[in-house]
Amino acid sequence: MTASLPADVSDALAAVLNAEGPIHAALREQVPHLGVRERCTCGCGTAYFEIDTSKVEPAPTGLGTVVAAEAQLVTETG
């Protein structure tokens, strides 16, 4: 999705945000402004993001809505 993110994170976002609809479209538009703030050190692939909200349009989810996603990716090495 963007070269500024690690490949595994970019692949996960592409899979999770692949659905059609206004919320997914708005979130895809935010990805170029997304950065990885921190990653879990246990090797699980968890990533915590940061985004400059002054540079993106909010997704049409309503006030106070939290969008959380989880995806399991299996690579050729298992």
Protein backbone atom coordinates (compact mmCIF):
# COMPACT_ATOMS: atom_id res chain seq x y z
CA MET A 1 0.00 0.00 0.00
CA THR A 2 2.84 2.36 0.77
CA ALA A 3 6.60 2.04 0.73
CA SER A 4 6.95 3.85 4.07
CA LEU A 5 5.49 0.91 6.03
CA PRO A 6 7.14 -2.46 6.69
CA ALA A 7 6.08 -5.05 4.09
CA ASP A 8 4.17 -7.23 6.55
CA VAL A 9 2.21 -4.25 7.86
CA SER A 10 1.46 -3.02 4.37
CA ASP A 11 0.25 -6.51 3.35
CA ALA A 12 -2.00 -6.75 6.43
CA LEU A 13 -3.53 -3.34 5.78
CA ALA A 14 -4.14 -4.22 2.14
CA ALA A 15 -5.99 -7.39 3.20
CA VAL A 16 -8.02 -5.75 5.96
CA LEU A 17 -8.95 -2.64 3.96
CA ASN A 18 -9.76 -4.50 0.72
CA ALA A 19 -13.54 -4.33 1.28
CA GLU A 20 -15.71 -1.83 -0.56
CA GLY A 21 -17.59 0.91 1.19
CA PRO A 22 -17.09 4.49 2.34
CA ILE A 23 -15.35 3.61 5.62
CA HIS A 24 -12.81 1.31 3.96
CA ALA A 25 -12.22 3.84 1.17
CA ALA A 26 -11.60 6.63 3.69
CA LEU A 27 -9.21 4.45 5.68
CA ARG A 28 -7.29 3.53 2.50
CA GLU A 29 -6.89 7.25 1.82
CA GLN A 30 -5.29 7.66 5.26
CA VAL A 31 -2.63 4.96 4.76
CA PRO A 32 -0.04 7.24 3.06
CA HIS A 33 -0.06 9.36 6.24
CA LEU A 34 0.23 6.38 8.58
CA GLY A 35 3.35 5.47 10.51
CA VAL A 36 4.27 2.61 12.80
CA ARG A 37 4.77 4.04 16.30
CA GLU A 38 5.73 0.78 17.96
CA ARG A 39 5.80 -2.98 17.38
CA CYS A 40 5.40 -5.84 19.80
CA THR A 41 8.77 -7.38 20.64
CA CYS A 42 7.48 -10.96 21.04
CA GLY A 43 7.45 -11.53 17.28
CA CYS A 44 3.67 -11.66 16.89
CA GLY A 45 3.47 -8.88 14.29
CA THR A 46 1.35 -6.47 16.34
CA ALA A 47 1.85 -2.89 15.20
CA TYR A 48 0.70 0.33 16.85
CA PHE A 49 0.09 3.23 14.49
CA GLU A 50 0.26 6.99 14.59
CA ILE A 51 -1.28 9.42 12.17
CA ASP A 52 -1.36 13.18 11.87
CA THR A 53 -5.10 13.78 11.97
CA SER A 54 -4.63 17.30 10.59
CA LYS A 55 -3.53 15.80 7.26
CA VAL A 56 -6.37 13.33 6.67
CA GLU A 57 -10.13 13.35 6.34
CA PRO A 58 -11.86 11.32 9.06
CA ALA A 59 -13.58 8.09 8.07
CA PRO A 60 -17.39 8.37 8.22
CA THR A 61 -17.81 6.27 11.34
CA GLY A 62 -19.45 8.71 13.74
CA LEU A 63 -18.09 10.31 16.88
CA GLY A 64 -16.42 8.01 19.37
CA THR A 65 -16.23 5.02 17.03
CA VAL A 66 -13.05 2.97 17.19
CA VAL A 67 -12.14 0.90 14.15
CA ALA A 68 -10.08 -2.12 15.13
CA ALA A 69 -8.91 -4.86 12.80
CA GLU A 70 -7.04 -8.09 13.07
CA ALA A 71 -5.70 -10.24 10.27
CA GLN A 72 -3.71 -13.45 10.30
CA LEU A 73 -1.16 -13.79 7.53
CA VAL A 74 0.66 -17.02 6.83
CA THR A 75 3.91 -16.73 4.91
CA GLU A 76 5.79 -19.40 3.01
CA THR A 77 7.85 -20.00 6.17
CA GLY A 78 4.72 -20.65 8.21
